[in-house]
Every structure is written in C-alpha cells, then in structure tokens.
Amino acid sequence: MLKKLSLKHKLAVSAGLAIIIGGFLVEALSFRASLSRLDTEVAQRLESTTASYNQYVSDWVASKERAMTSLTREADPDNMVTHLKQVRDSGGFDNVFLAYPDGSQDNANGVVLPPGNDDPRKWGWYTNANCV
C-alpha cells in the first residue's frame, strides 16, 4: 500500500506516526514521573505522620510515667488510698493500685476483687512480665 502513495503522502504518514509515537512517549514519561513524585510525597507524609504520632505516644507515656513515679517511698502507708487517688487523678487513669509482696493490694477506687482473683502476682500479665 505504501508503494502506491506519493512521496508527499509517505512523508506525511511518517511525520504523523512520529508525532503520535512522540506523544505517547512523552505521555508515558510524564505519567511515570508523576507516579514517582506521588510515591515520594506519600512516603514523606507517612514518615511525618508517623513521627508526629510517635512523639504524641512518647509524650503520653512519659506523662503517665511521671504520674506513676510521683508516689514516693515516703508516702504514709495509712493514707495510701489517698495517695493512689491523687496519682489516679493526676495521670488520668481509671484506677491505680499498689500490690504488696504478700499479694494484697490497695487501689484508688476501693475495688474488692473476688476470691481466687485477688492476688496480682497470679495475673497473666504479671507472670508474663516477670518471664521477660
């Protein structure tokens, strides 16, 4: 078919194909660059969000730690529940308890645990924490 076309038409078809191929090539390169730029922006935003959230959690844990360590060794044992209430309220906890070596405990809310579940030394999280 190309043999029947004149030189003018062959040049026009060749130029048209070159323009179409060039357009597709530019479009593909532009699309690839856009995807790369988008990946970079998403990674940067994710890193920024993660850093902000990590800082928030670190600050939250530090504030809870400060509240928990505010109970001094010199605290009056006869007023322990009062001290625990202060720690609970200053740290924003639902309840705070202090477990003693004999398995007894005091807690800020005056909760009395049922027999068989009243020794914190037997609780799963406590025994698992001591295994580490």
N, C-alpha and C. Protein backbone atom coordinates (compact mmCIF):
# COMPACT_ATOMS: atom_id res chain seq x y z
N MET A 1 0.81 -1.19 0.00
CA MET A 1 0.00 0.00 0.00
C MET A 1 0.86 1.25 0.00
N LEU A 2 1.96 1.24 0.77
CA LEU A 2 2.83 2.42 0.81
C LEU A 2 3.51 2.66 -0.54
N LYS A 3 3.64 1.59 -1.36
CA LYS A 3 4.28 1.75 -2.66
C LYS A 3 3.42 2.60 -3.59
N LYS A 4 2.11 2.59 -3.39
CA LYS A 4 1.22 3.33 -4.27
C LYS A 4 1.12 4.80 -3.89
N LEU A 5 1.58 5.15 -2.66
CA LEU A 5 1.48 6.53 -2.19
C LEU A 5 2.61 7.35 -2.78
N SER A 6 2.33 8.61 -2.94
CA SER A 6 3.36 9.51 -3.43
C SER A 6 4.32 9.84 -2.29
N LEU A 7 5.45 10.41 -2.64
CA LEU A 7 6.46 10.78 -1.65
C LEU A 7 5.88 11.75 -0.63
N LYS A 8 5.05 12.65 -1.06
CA LYS A 8 4.43 13.64 -0.20
C LYS A 8 3.56 12.94 0.86
N HIS A 9 2.80 11.94 0.44
CA HIS A 9 1.93 11.21 1.36
C HIS A 9 2.75 10.31 2.31
N LYS A 10 3.83 9.72 1.76
CA LYS A 10 4.68 8.91 2.61
C LYS A 10 5.32 9.75 3.71
N LEU A 11 5.78 10.94 3.37
CA LEU A 11 6.36 11.86 4.36
C LEU A 11 5.31 12.29 5.38
N ALA A 12 4.11 12.54 4.93
CA ALA A 12 3.02 12.95 5.83
C ALA A 12 2.68 11.83 6.80
N VAL A 13 2.59 10.57 6.30
CA VAL A 13 2.29 9.43 7.16
C VAL A 13 3.43 9.22 8.15
N SER A 14 4.68 9.32 7.70
CA SER A 14 5.84 9.15 8.58
C SER A 14 5.86 10.24 9.65
N ALA A 15 5.60 11.47 9.27
CA ALA A 15 5.59 12.57 10.23
C ALA A 15 4.45 12.38 11.24
N GLY A 16 3.31 11.96 10.76
CA GLY A 16 2.17 11.71 11.66
C GLY A 16 2.48 10.61 12.67
N LEU A 17 3.07 9.50 12.17
CA LEU A 17 3.45 8.42 13.07
C LEU A 17 4.50 8.89 14.08
N ALA A 18 5.46 9.69 13.64
CA ALA A 18 6.49 10.20 14.55
C ALA A 18 5.85 11.09 15.63
N ILE A 19 4.90 11.90 15.25
CA ILE A 19 4.21 12.77 16.21
C ILE A 19 3.41 11.92 17.20
N ILE A 20 2.70 10.91 16.71
CA ILE A 20 1.89 10.05 17.58
C ILE A 20 2.79 9.27 18.53
N ILE A 21 3.85 8.67 18.02
CA ILE A 21 4.78 7.91 18.86
C ILE A 21 5.45 8.84 19.88
N GLY A 22 5.85 10.02 19.44
CA GLY A 22 6.46 11.01 20.34
C GLY A 22 5.48 11.42 21.44
N GLY A 23 4.21 11.62 21.07
CA GLY A 23 3.18 11.99 22.06
C GLY A 23 2.99 10.90 23.11
N PHE A 24 2.92 9.64 22.62
CA PHE A 24 2.79 8.52 23.55
C PHE A 24 4.01 8.42 24.47
N LEU A 25 5.18 8.64 23.90
CA LEU A 25 6.41 8.57 24.69
C LEU A 25 6.44 9.67 25.76
N VAL A 26 6.10 10.88 25.38
CA VAL A 26 6.05 11.99 26.34
C VAL A 26 5.01 11.71 27.43
N GLU A 27 3.86 11.21 27.02
CA GLU A 27 2.79 10.89 27.99
C GLU A 27 3.25 9.80 28.96
N ALA A 28 3.90 8.76 28.47
CA ALA A 28 4.37 7.67 29.32
C ALA A 28 5.43 8.17 30.29
N LEU A 29 6.37 8.96 29.81
CA LEU A 29 7.41 9.50 30.69
C LEU A 29 6.82 10.44 31.75
N SER A 30 5.87 11.25 31.33
CA SER A 30 5.21 12.16 32.26
C SER A 30 4.43 11.38 33.33
N PHE A 31 3.73 10.34 32.92
CA PHE A 31 2.98 9.52 33.86
C PHE A 31 3.92 8.84 34.85
N ARG A 32 5.02 8.30 34.36
CA ARG A 32 5.99 7.64 35.24
C ARG A 32 6.59 8.64 36.22
N ALA A 33 6.92 9.83 35.78
CA ALA A 33 7.46 10.86 36.68
C ALA A 33 6.43 11.26 37.73
N SER A 34 5.16 11.36 37.32
CA SER A 34 4.10 11.71 38.26
C SER A 34 3.94 10.63 39.32
N LEU A 35 3.97 9.36 38.93
CA LEU A 35 3.88 8.27 39.89
C LEU A 35 5.06 8.29 40.86
N SER A 36 6.23 8.55 40.35
CA SER A 36 7.41 8.61 41.20
C SER A 36 7.30 9.76 42.20
N ARG A 37 6.86 10.91 41.74
CA ARG A 37 6.67 12.08 42.61
C ARG A 37 5.59 11.80 43.65
N LEU A 38 4.51 11.14 43.24
CA LEU A 38 3.44 10.79 44.16
C LEU A 38 3.92 9.80 45.23
N ASP A 39 4.70 8.80 44.83
CA ASP A 39 5.27 7.85 45.78
C ASP A 39 6.15 8.56 46.81
N THR A 40 6.95 9.50 46.35
CA THR A 40 7.84 10.25 47.24
C THR A 40 7.03 11.09 48.21
N GLU A 41 5.99 11.78 47.73
CA GLU A 41 5.16 12.61 48.59
C GLU A 41 4.41 11.77 49.63
N VAL A 42 3.88 10.63 49.21
CA VAL A 42 3.17 9.76 50.15
C VAL A 42 4.13 9.25 51.21
N ALA A 43 5.33 8.84 50.81
CA ALA A 43 6.32 8.36 51.78
C ALA A 43 6.70 9.45 52.77
N GLN A 44 6.87 10.68 52.28
CA GLN A 44 7.22 11.80 53.17
C GLN A 44 6.08 12.10 54.14
N ARG A 45 4.85 12.09 53.66
CA ARG A 45 3.71 12.36 54.54
C ARG A 45 3.54 11.25 55.56
N LEU A 46 3.73 10.01 55.14
CA LEU A 46 3.63 8.89 56.05
C LEU A 46 4.71 8.98 57.12
N GLU A 47 5.91 9.31 56.73
CA GLU A 47 7.01 9.46 57.69
C GLU A 47 6.73 10.60 58.66
N SER A 48 6.22 11.70 58.16
CA SER A 48 5.88 12.85 59.01
C SER A 48 4.76 12.50 59.99
N THR A 49 3.73 11.84 59.49
CA THR A 49 2.61 11.44 60.35
C THR A 49 3.07 10.45 61.41
N THR A 50 3.89 9.50 61.01
CA THR A 50 4.41 8.51 61.95
C THR A 50 5.26 9.18 63.02
N ALA A 51 6.11 10.11 62.62
CA ALA A 51 6.95 10.81 63.59
C ALA A 51 6.09 11.61 64.57
N SER A 52 5.06 12.27 64.06
CA SER A 52 4.17 13.04 64.93
C SER A 52 3.44 12.12 65.90
N TYR A 53 2.94 11.00 65.41
CA TYR A 53 2.21 10.07 66.27
C TYR A 53 3.14 9.45 67.31
N ASN A 54 4.36 9.10 66.88
CA ASN A 54 5.34 8.56 67.82
C ASN A 54 5.65 9.56 68.92
N GLN A 55 5.78 10.82 68.57
CA GLN A 55 6.04 11.85 69.57
C GLN A 55 4.86 11.98 70.52
N TYR A 56 3.64 11.93 69.97
CA TYR A 56 2.44 12.01 70.81
C TYR A 56 2.40 10.84 71.80
N VAL A 57 2.65 9.63 71.32
CA VAL A 57 2.62 8.45 72.20
C VAL A 57 3.74 8.53 73.23
N SER A 58 4.92 8.96 72.82
CA SER A 58 6.03 9.10 73.76
C SER A 58 5.70 10.10 74.85
N ASP A 59 5.12 11.23 74.46
CA ASP A 59 4.72 12.24 75.45
C ASP A 59 3.64 11.71 76.38
N TRP A 60 2.68 10.95 75.82
CA TRP A 60 1.61 10.39 76.63
C TRP A 60 2.18 9.40 77.65
N VAL A 61 3.06 8.51 77.19
CA VAL A 61 3.66 7.53 78.09
C VAL A 61 4.50 8.24 79.16
N ALA A 62 5.25 9.26 78.76
CA ALA A 62 6.07 10.00 79.73
C ALA A 62 5.19 10.67 80.79
N SER A 63 4.05 11.21 80.38
CA SER A 63 3.16 11.86 81.36
C SER A 63 2.59 10.83 82.32
N LYS A 64 2.24 9.65 81.81
CA LYS A 64 1.73 8.58 82.68
C LYS A 64 2.84 8.09 83.62
N GLU A 65 4.05 8.01 83.10
CA GLU A 65 5.18 7.59 83.93
C GLU A 65 5.44 8.59 85.05
N ARG A 66 5.37 9.88 84.72
CA ARG A 66 5.57 10.91 85.76
C ARG A 66 4.51 10.80 86.83
N ALA A 67 3.27 10.54 86.43
CA ALA A 67 2.20 10.39 87.42
C ALA A 67 2.44 9.17 88.29
N MET A 68 2.87 8.07 87.68
CA MET A 68 3.07 6.84 88.45
C MET A 68 4.28 6.96 89.38
N THR A 69 5.32 7.67 88.97
CA THR A 69 6.50 7.79 89.82
C THR A 69 6.36 8.91 90.84
N SER A 70 5.24 9.61 90.83
CA SER A 70 5.05 10.68 91.81
C SER A 70 4.75 10.12 93.19
N LEU A 71 4.38 8.86 93.27
CA LEU A 71 4.15 8.21 94.56
C LEU A 71 5.52 7.87 95.15
N THR A 72 5.86 8.55 96.23
CA THR A 72 7.19 8.38 96.81
C THR A 72 7.21 7.23 97.82
N ARG A 73 8.39 6.78 98.13
CA ARG A 73 8.57 5.73 99.14
C ARG A 73 8.19 6.25 100.53
N GLU A 74 8.25 7.56 100.69
CA GLU A 74 7.93 8.16 101.98
C GLU A 74 6.43 8.36 102.17
N ALA A 75 5.62 7.94 101.22
CA ALA A 75 4.16 8.10 101.33
C ALA A 75 3.66 7.38 102.58
N ASP A 76 2.75 8.01 103.27
CA ASP A 76 2.21 7.47 104.52
C ASP A 76 1.39 6.21 104.21
N PRO A 77 1.80 5.05 104.71
CA PRO A 77 1.06 3.81 104.43
C PRO A 77 -0.38 3.84 104.93
N ASP A 78 -0.65 4.61 105.95
CA ASP A 78 -2.01 4.69 106.48
C ASP A 78 -2.93 5.50 105.56
N ASN A 79 -2.35 6.33 104.73
CA ASN A 79 -3.13 7.15 103.77
C ASN A 79 -2.85 6.73 102.33
N MET A 80 -2.49 5.47 102.11
CA MET A 80 -2.10 5.01 100.78
C MET A 80 -3.21 5.20 99.75
N VAL A 81 -4.45 4.94 100.13
CA VAL A 81 -5.56 5.09 99.18
C VAL A 81 -5.67 6.56 98.74
N THR A 82 -5.45 7.47 99.65
CA THR A 82 -5.47 8.90 99.30
C THR A 82 -4.37 9.23 98.30
N HIS A 83 -3.18 8.69 98.52
CA HIS A 83 -2.07 8.91 97.58
C HIS A 83 -2.38 8.29 96.22
N LEU A 84 -2.97 7.10 96.23
CA LEU A 84 -3.32 6.44 94.97
C LEU A 84 -4.38 7.21 94.21
N LYS A 85 -5.33 7.81 94.92
CA LYS A 85 -6.35 8.64 94.26
C LYS A 85 -5.70 9.84 93.59
N GLN A 86 -4.71 10.43 94.26
CA GLN A 86 -4.02 11.57 93.67
C GLN A 86 -3.29 11.16 92.40
N VAL A 87 -2.61 10.01 92.44
CA VAL A 87 -1.92 9.51 91.24
C VAL A 87 -2.93 9.23 90.13
N ARG A 88 -4.05 8.59 90.48
CA ARG A 88 -5.10 8.28 89.50
C ARG A 88 -5.61 9.56 88.83
N ASP A 89 -5.92 10.55 89.63
CA ASP A 89 -6.49 11.78 89.09
C ASP A 89 -5.46 12.59 88.29
N SER A 90 -4.24 12.67 88.77
CA SER A 90 -3.23 13.47 88.06
C SER A 90 -2.80 12.80 86.76
N GLY A 91 -2.85 11.47 86.72
CA GLY A 91 -2.45 10.76 85.50
C GLY A 91 -3.59 10.47 84.55
N GLY A 92 -4.82 10.74 84.98
CA GLY A 92 -5.97 10.47 84.12
C GLY A 92 -6.24 8.98 83.97
N PHE A 93 -5.92 8.18 85.00
CA PHE A 93 -6.16 6.74 84.95
C PHE A 93 -7.57 6.43 85.43
N ASP A 94 -8.08 5.27 85.05
CA ASP A 94 -9.37 4.81 85.56
C ASP A 94 -9.22 4.32 87.00
N ASN A 95 -8.13 3.66 87.28
CA ASN A 95 -7.87 3.16 88.62
C ASN A 95 -6.37 2.95 88.74
N VAL A 96 -5.86 3.04 89.95
CA VAL A 96 -4.45 2.79 90.23
C VAL A 96 -4.41 1.89 91.46
N PHE A 97 -3.59 0.86 91.39
CA PHE A 97 -3.46 0.01 92.56
C PHE A 97 -2.00 -0.21 92.89
N LEU A 98 -1.77 -0.56 94.13
CA LEU A 98 -0.44 -0.85 94.61
C LEU A 98 -0.48 -2.26 95.18
N ALA A 99 0.33 -3.15 94.61
CA ALA A 99 0.38 -4.53 95.07
C ALA A 99 1.56 -4.71 96.02
N TYR A 100 1.33 -5.45 97.06
CA TYR A 100 2.35 -5.70 98.07
C TYR A 100 2.95 -7.08 97.87
N PRO A 101 4.15 -7.32 98.42
CA PRO A 101 4.80 -8.62 98.22
C PRO A 101 3.98 -9.82 98.70
N ASP A 102 3.08 -9.61 99.66
CA ASP A 102 2.28 -10.74 100.15
C ASP A 102 1.05 -11.02 99.27
N GLY A 103 0.87 -10.24 98.20
CA GLY A 103 -0.25 -10.45 97.28
C GLY A 103 -1.45 -9.57 97.57
N SER A 104 -1.44 -8.87 98.69
CA SER A 104 -2.54 -7.94 98.97
C SER A 104 -2.35 -6.68 98.14
N GLN A 105 -3.37 -5.86 98.11
CA GLN A 105 -3.27 -4.64 97.31
C GLN A 105 -4.19 -3.56 97.86
N ASP A 106 -3.86 -2.33 97.55
CA ASP A 106 -4.72 -1.16 97.77
C ASP A 106 -5.00 -0.58 96.41
N ASN A 107 -6.22 -0.06 96.20
CA ASN A 107 -6.47 0.62 94.93
C ASN A 107 -7.29 1.87 95.18
N ALA A 108 -7.16 2.80 94.26
CA ALA A 108 -7.75 4.12 94.41
C ALA A 108 -9.27 4.08 94.41
N ASN A 109 -9.88 3.11 93.76
CA ASN A 109 -11.34 3.06 93.67
C ASN A 109 -11.97 2.18 94.75
N GLY A 110 -11.15 1.59 95.61
CA GLY A 110 -11.68 0.74 96.67
C GLY A 110 -12.30 -0.55 96.16
N VAL A 111 -11.88 -0.99 94.99
CA VAL A 111 -12.42 -2.22 94.40
C VAL A 111 -11.97 -3.42 95.22
N VAL A 112 -12.91 -4.30 95.54
CA VAL A 112 -12.60 -5.55 96.22
C VAL A 112 -12.74 -6.66 95.19
N LEU A 113 -11.63 -7.34 94.94
CA LEU A 113 -11.62 -8.39 93.92
C LEU A 113 -12.15 -9.70 94.49
N PRO A 114 -12.77 -10.52 93.65
CA PRO A 114 -13.33 -11.79 94.13
C PRO A 114 -12.23 -12.76 94.55
N PRO A 115 -12.52 -13.62 95.50
CA PRO A 115 -11.53 -14.62 95.93
C PRO A 115 -11.07 -15.46 94.73
N GLY A 116 -9.78 -15.75 94.70
CA GLY A 116 -9.21 -16.50 93.59
C GLY A 116 -8.66 -15.60 92.51
N ASN A 117 -9.10 -14.35 92.49
CA ASN A 117 -8.59 -13.38 91.51
C ASN A 117 -8.11 -12.13 92.23
N ASP A 118 -7.77 -12.27 93.50
CA ASP A 118 -7.41 -11.10 94.29
C ASP A 118 -5.91 -10.98 94.54
N ASP A 119 -5.11 -11.85 93.95
CA ASP A 119 -3.66 -11.78 94.12
C ASP A 119 -3.02 -11.37 92.79
N PRO A 120 -2.57 -10.12 92.67
CA PRO A 120 -1.99 -9.64 91.40
C PRO A 120 -0.79 -10.46 90.92
N ARG A 121 -0.12 -11.14 91.83
CA ARG A 121 1.05 -11.94 91.45
C ARG A 121 0.67 -13.13 90.57
N LYS A 122 -0.60 -13.48 90.55
CA LYS A 122 -1.07 -14.64 89.77
C LYS A 122 -1.70 -14.23 88.44
N TRP A 123 -1.83 -12.95 88.19
CA TRP A 123 -2.45 -12.46 86.95
C TRP A 123 -1.51 -12.71 85.78
N GLY A 124 -2.08 -13.05 84.64
CA GLY A 124 -1.30 -13.40 83.46
C GLY A 124 -0.30 -12.34 83.04
N TRP A 125 -0.71 -11.11 82.99
CA TRP A 125 0.21 -10.06 82.54
C TRP A 125 1.37 -9.92 83.51
N TYR A 126 1.12 -10.16 84.79
CA TYR A 126 2.18 -10.04 85.80
C TYR A 126 3.18 -11.18 85.65
N THR A 127 2.68 -12.40 85.54
CA THR A 127 3.59 -13.55 85.40
C THR A 127 4.34 -13.50 84.07
N ASN A 128 3.67 -13.02 83.02
CA ASN A 128 4.35 -12.89 81.72
C ASN A 128 5.41 -11.81 81.77
N ALA A 129 5.17 -10.74 82.51
CA ALA A 129 6.14 -9.65 82.60
C ALA A 129 7.38 -10.11 83.35
N ASN A 130 7.21 -10.99 84.30
CA ASN A 130 8.36 -11.48 85.07
C ASN A 130 9.18 -12.50 84.30
N CYS A 131 8.63 -13.07 83.23
CA CYS A 131 9.36 -14.06 82.43
C CYS A 131 10.36 -13.42 81.49
N VAL A 132 10.16 -12.16 81.22
CA VAL A 132 10.98 -11.50 80.21
C VAL A 132 12.35 -11.18 80.73
